[in-house]
């Protein structure tokens, strides 16, 4: 049993990325998207070579920081409607990461992605927010 609260929150953040990645892989498999979430995350480091394992590490680190930050925010301002708040926070974080990604990498190092890729990643971000909210509600912010 993990006793450290921040470590538990970080593990919940990591676990929340997995269903979103599964959904993004399904979108790519069926031709709806070009990159999975982990592959897209790896492009921040590798620029033009999408690699699953590097993307996994990058996404895990980002999700740990995100989960810890929003848990501090929820402790300060309240944790009611936790799932809705985590969905909204994850969508804003997706927007910031996407703006950063498109200004640095897209068009310069890789081809411009199809619009379907954006929709699939928004959907996967919402899955991440739902799972993280449910896990935080169950294991951290118990009523």
C-alpha atoms as a PDB file:
ATOM      1  CA  UNK A   1       0.000   0.000   0.000  1.00  0.00           C
ATOM      2  CA  UNK A   2       1.391   3.367  -1.013  1.00  0.00           C
ATOM      3  CA  UNK A   3       1.433   5.688   1.995  1.00  0.00           C
ATOM      4  CA  UNK A   4       2.740   8.875   0.389  1.00  0.00           C
ATOM      5  CA  UNK A   5      -0.173  10.984  -0.847  1.00  0.00           C
ATOM      6  CA  UNK A   6       1.691  12.686  -3.707  1.00  0.00           C
ATOM      7  CA  UNK A   7       2.999   9.349  -4.933  1.00  0.00           C
ATOM      8  CA  UNK A   8      -0.543   7.946  -4.950  1.00  0.00           C
ATOM      9  CA  UNK A   9      -1.788  10.950  -6.901  1.00  0.00           C
ATOM     10  CA  UNK A  10       1.062  10.527  -9.395  1.00  0.00           C
ATOM     11  CA  UNK A  11       0.248   6.839  -9.867  1.00  0.00           C
ATOM     12  CA  UNK A  12      -3.404   7.730 -10.466  1.00  0.00           C
ATOM     13  CA  UNK A  13      -2.298  10.257 -13.096  1.00  0.00           C
ATOM     14  CA  UNK A  14      -0.205   7.605 -14.829  1.00  0.00           C
ATOM     15  CA  UNK A  15      -3.021   5.043 -14.733  1.00  0.00           C
ATOM     16  CA  UNK A  16      -5.406   7.597 -16.228  1.00  0.00           C
ATOM     17  CA  UNK A  17      -3.329   7.914 -19.388  1.00  0.00           C
ATOM     18  CA  UNK A  18      -3.685   4.249 -20.322  1.00  0.00           C
ATOM     19  CA  UNK A  19      -7.394   4.234 -21.363  1.00  0.00           C
ATOM     20  CA  UNK A  20      -6.832   7.385 -23.423  1.00  0.00           C
ATOM     21  CA  UNK A  21      -3.900   5.759 -25.208  1.00  0.00           C
ATOM     22  CA  UNK A  22      -5.948   2.647 -25.904  1.00  0.00           C
ATOM     23  CA  UNK A  23      -8.686   4.804 -27.430  1.00  0.00           C
ATOM     24  CA  UNK A  24      -6.160   6.751 -29.519  1.00  0.00           C
ATOM     25  CA  UNK A  25      -4.620   3.504 -30.801  1.00  0.00           C
ATOM     26  CA  UNK A  26      -8.097   2.338 -31.808  1.00  0.00           C
ATOM     27  CA  UNK A  27      -8.648   5.606 -33.688  1.00  0.00           C
ATOM     28  CA  UNK A  28      -5.322   5.169 -35.491  1.00  0.00           C
ATOM     29  CA  UNK A  29      -6.088   1.517 -36.249  1.00  0.00           C
ATOM     30  CA  UNK A  30      -9.405   2.396 -37.849  1.00  0.00           C
ATOM     31  CA  UNK A  31      -7.865   5.264 -39.830  1.00  0.00           C
ATOM     32  CA  UNK A  32      -9.470   8.105 -37.898  1.00  0.00           C
ATOM     33  CA  UNK A  33      -6.176   9.537 -36.640  1.00  0.00           C
ATOM     34  CA  UNK A  34      -2.538   9.629 -37.632  1.00  0.00           C
ATOM     35  CA  UNK A  35      -0.756   9.465 -34.244  1.00  0.00           C
ATOM     36  CA  UNK A  36      -1.568   7.906 -30.902  1.00  0.00           C
ATOM     37  CA  UNK A  37      -1.224  10.050 -27.787  1.00  0.00           C
ATOM     38  CA  UNK A  38       2.124   8.523 -26.774  1.00  0.00           C
ATOM     39  CA  UNK A  39       3.525   8.850 -30.309  1.00  0.00           C
ATOM     40  CA  UNK A  40       2.473  12.490 -30.448  1.00  0.00           C
ATOM     41  CA  UNK A  41       4.067  13.117 -27.057  1.00  0.00           C
ATOM     42  CA  UNK A  42       7.331  11.592 -28.253  1.00  0.00           C
ATOM     43  CA  UNK A  43       7.527  14.116 -31.071  1.00  0.00           C
ATOM     44  CA  UNK A  44       8.231  16.814 -28.479  1.00  0.00           C
ATOM     45  CA  UNK A  45      11.573  15.086 -27.832  1.00  0.00           C
ATOM     46  CA  UNK A  46      12.370  13.401 -31.153  1.00  0.00           C
ATOM     47  CA  UNK A  47      10.774  16.019 -33.481  1.00  0.00           C
ATOM     48  CA  UNK A  48      10.162  13.743 -36.481  1.00  0.00           C
ATOM     49  CA  UNK A  49      10.379  10.160 -35.208  1.00  0.00           C
ATOM     50  CA  UNK A  50       7.296   9.004 -33.291  1.00  0.00           C
ATOM     51  CA  UNK A  51       8.405   6.435 -30.697  1.00  0.00           C
ATOM     52  CA  UNK A  52       5.967   4.721 -28.342  1.00  0.00           C
ATOM     53  CA  UNK A  53       8.321   4.293 -25.354  1.00  0.00           C
ATOM     54  CA  UNK A  54       9.654   7.847 -25.318  1.00  0.00           C
ATOM     55  CA  UNK A  55       6.102   9.138 -25.652  1.00  0.00           C
ATOM     56  CA  UNK A  56       5.047   6.892 -22.793  1.00  0.00           C
ATOM     57  CA  UNK A  57       7.681   8.448 -20.519  1.00  0.00           C
ATOM     58  CA  UNK A  58       6.824  11.997 -21.592  1.00  0.00           C
ATOM     59  CA  UNK A  59       3.101  11.425 -21.155  1.00  0.00           C
ATOM     60  CA  UNK A  60       3.593   9.778 -17.770  1.00  0.00           C
ATOM     61  CA  UNK A  61       5.671  12.719 -16.529  1.00  0.00           C
ATOM     62  CA  UNK A  62       3.156  15.269 -17.789  1.00  0.00           C
ATOM     63  CA  UNK A  63       0.246  13.361 -16.265  1.00  0.00           C
ATOM     64  CA  UNK A  64       2.011  13.080 -12.894  1.00  0.00           C
ATOM     65  CA  UNK A  65       2.624  16.825 -12.763  1.00  0.00           C
ATOM     66  CA  UNK A  66      -0.924  17.530 -13.968  1.00  0.00           C
ATOM     67  CA  UNK A  67      -2.526  15.224 -11.390  1.00  0.00           C
ATOM     68  CA  UNK A  68      -0.490  16.657  -8.520  1.00  0.00           C
ATOM     69  CA  UNK A  69      -1.204  20.260  -9.563  1.00  0.00           C
ATOM     70  CA  UNK A  70      -4.936  19.806  -9.913  1.00  0.00           C
ATOM     71  CA  UNK A  71      -5.122  17.881  -6.638  1.00  0.00           C
ATOM     72  CA  UNK A  72      -3.525  20.878  -4.903  1.00  0.00           C
ATOM     73  CA  UNK A  73      -6.017  23.169  -6.633  1.00  0.00           C
ATOM     74  CA  UNK A  74      -8.934  20.950  -5.604  1.00  0.00           C
ATOM     75  CA  UNK A  75      -7.723  20.839  -1.995  1.00  0.00           C
ATOM     76  CA  UNK A  76      -7.577  24.630  -1.958  1.00  0.00           C
ATOM     77  CA  UNK A  77     -10.849  25.408  -3.748  1.00  0.00           C
ATOM     78  CA  UNK A  78     -12.939  22.309  -3.108  1.00  0.00           C
ATOM     79  CA  UNK A  79     -13.433  18.977  -4.753  1.00  0.00           C
ATOM     80  CA  UNK A  80     -17.140  18.996  -5.541  1.00  0.00           C
ATOM     81  CA  UNK A  81     -18.011  17.974  -9.114  1.00  0.00           C
ATOM     82  CA  UNK A  82     -14.554  16.448  -9.383  1.00  0.00           C
ATOM     83  CA  UNK A  83     -15.059  14.602 -12.665  1.00  0.00           C
ATOM     84  CA  UNK A  84     -16.363  17.674 -14.472  1.00  0.00           C
ATOM     85  CA  UNK A  85     -13.485  19.760 -13.136  1.00  0.00           C
ATOM     86  CA  UNK A  86     -10.857  17.240 -14.204  1.00  0.00           C
ATOM     87  CA  UNK A  87     -12.379  17.028 -17.691  1.00  0.00           C
ATOM     88  CA  UNK A  88     -12.303  20.815 -18.055  1.00  0.00           C
ATOM     89  CA  UNK A  89      -8.765  21.078 -16.649  1.00  0.00           C
ATOM     90  CA  UNK A  90      -7.519  18.314 -18.924  1.00  0.00           C
ATOM     91  CA  UNK A  91      -9.095  20.010 -21.958  1.00  0.00           C
ATOM     92  CA  UNK A  92      -7.361  23.299 -21.095  1.00  0.00           C
ATOM     93  CA  UNK A  93      -4.082  21.446 -20.657  1.00  0.00           C
ATOM     94  CA  UNK A  94      -4.625  19.710 -24.003  1.00  0.00           C
ATOM     95  CA  UNK A  95      -5.168  23.108 -25.590  1.00  0.00           C
ATOM     96  CA  UNK A  96      -1.938  24.497 -24.104  1.00  0.00           C
ATOM     97  CA  UNK A  97       0.073  21.425 -25.117  1.00  0.00           C
ATOM     98  CA  UNK A  98      -1.451  21.430 -28.597  1.00  0.00           C
ATOM     99  CA  UNK A  99      -0.626  25.101 -29.121  1.00  0.00           C
ATOM    100  CA  UNK A 100       2.930  24.449 -27.980  1.00  0.00           C
ATOM    101  CA  UNK A 101       3.198  21.391 -30.196  1.00  0.00           C
ATOM    102  CA  UNK A 102       1.854  23.058 -33.330  1.00  0.00           C
ATOM    103  CA  UNK A 103       4.056  26.129 -32.964  1.00  0.00           C
ATOM    104  CA  UNK A 104       7.266  24.167 -32.365  1.00  0.00           C
ATOM    105  CA  UNK A 105       6.976  20.936 -34.349  1.00  0.00           C
ATOM    106  CA  UNK A 106       4.047  20.674 -36.718  1.00  0.00           C
ATOM    107  CA  UNK A 107       4.734  21.928 -40.212  1.00  0.00           C
ATOM    108  CA  UNK A 108       8.479  22.190 -39.564  1.00  0.00           C
ATOM    109  CA  UNK A 109       9.477  18.652 -38.631  1.00  0.00           C
ATOM    110  CA  UNK A 110       6.342  16.654 -39.445  1.00  0.00           C
ATOM    111  CA  UNK A 111       3.521  17.127 -41.928  1.00  0.00           C
ATOM    112  CA  UNK A 112       0.417  18.911 -40.779  1.00  0.00           C
ATOM    113  CA  UNK A 113      -1.911  16.373 -39.217  1.00  0.00           C
ATOM    114  CA  UNK A 114      -5.445  15.744 -40.443  1.00  0.00           C
ATOM    115  CA  UNK A 115      -8.260  17.379 -38.494  1.00  0.00           C
ATOM    116  CA  UNK A 116      -9.456  13.918 -37.387  1.00  0.00           C
ATOM    117  CA  UNK A 117      -6.309  13.642 -35.284  1.00  0.00           C
ATOM    118  CA  UNK A 118      -7.348  16.667 -33.248  1.00  0.00           C
ATOM    119  CA  UNK A 119     -10.825  15.274 -32.649  1.00  0.00           C
ATOM    120  CA  UNK A 120      -9.498  11.904 -31.567  1.00  0.00           C
ATOM    121  CA  UNK A 121      -7.059  13.539 -29.155  1.00  0.00           C
ATOM    122  CA  UNK A 122      -9.797  15.737 -27.686  1.00  0.00           C
ATOM    123  CA  UNK A 123     -11.893  12.626 -27.096  1.00  0.00           C
ATOM    124  CA  UNK A 124      -8.925  10.816 -25.520  1.00  0.00           C
ATOM    125  CA  UNK A 125      -8.250  13.843 -23.316  1.00  0.00           C
ATOM    126  CA  UNK A 126     -11.828  13.679 -22.087  1.00  0.00           C
ATOM    127  CA  UNK A 127     -11.367   9.981 -21.310  1.00  0.00           C
ATOM    128  CA  UNK A 128      -8.235  10.877 -19.341  1.00  0.00           C
ATOM    129  CA  UNK A 129     -10.180  13.545 -17.405  1.00  0.00           C
ATOM    130  CA  UNK A 130     -13.042  11.182 -16.604  1.00  0.00           C
ATOM    131  CA  UNK A 131     -10.754   8.387 -15.419  1.00  0.00           C
ATOM    132  CA  UNK A 132      -8.556  10.751 -13.375  1.00  0.00           C
ATOM    133  CA  UNK A 133     -11.603  12.365 -11.777  1.00  0.00           C
ATOM    134  CA  UNK A 134     -13.092   9.012 -10.839  1.00  0.00           C
ATOM    135  CA  UNK A 135      -9.787   7.732  -9.443  1.00  0.00           C
ATOM    136  CA  UNK A 136      -9.152  10.906  -7.441  1.00  0.00           C
ATOM    137  CA  UNK A 137     -12.700  10.775  -6.107  1.00  0.00           C
ATOM    138  CA  UNK A 138     -12.327   7.143  -5.057  1.00  0.00           C
ATOM    139  CA  UNK A 139      -8.804   7.140  -3.625  1.00  0.00           C
ATOM    140  CA  UNK A 140      -7.905  10.722  -2.633  1.00  0.00           C
ATOM    141  CA  UNK A 141     -11.007  12.847  -2.014  1.00  0.00           C
ATOM    142  CA  UNK A 142     -13.166  10.330  -0.203  1.00  0.00           C
ATOM    143  CA  UNK A 143     -16.357  11.768   1.232  1.00  0.00           C
END
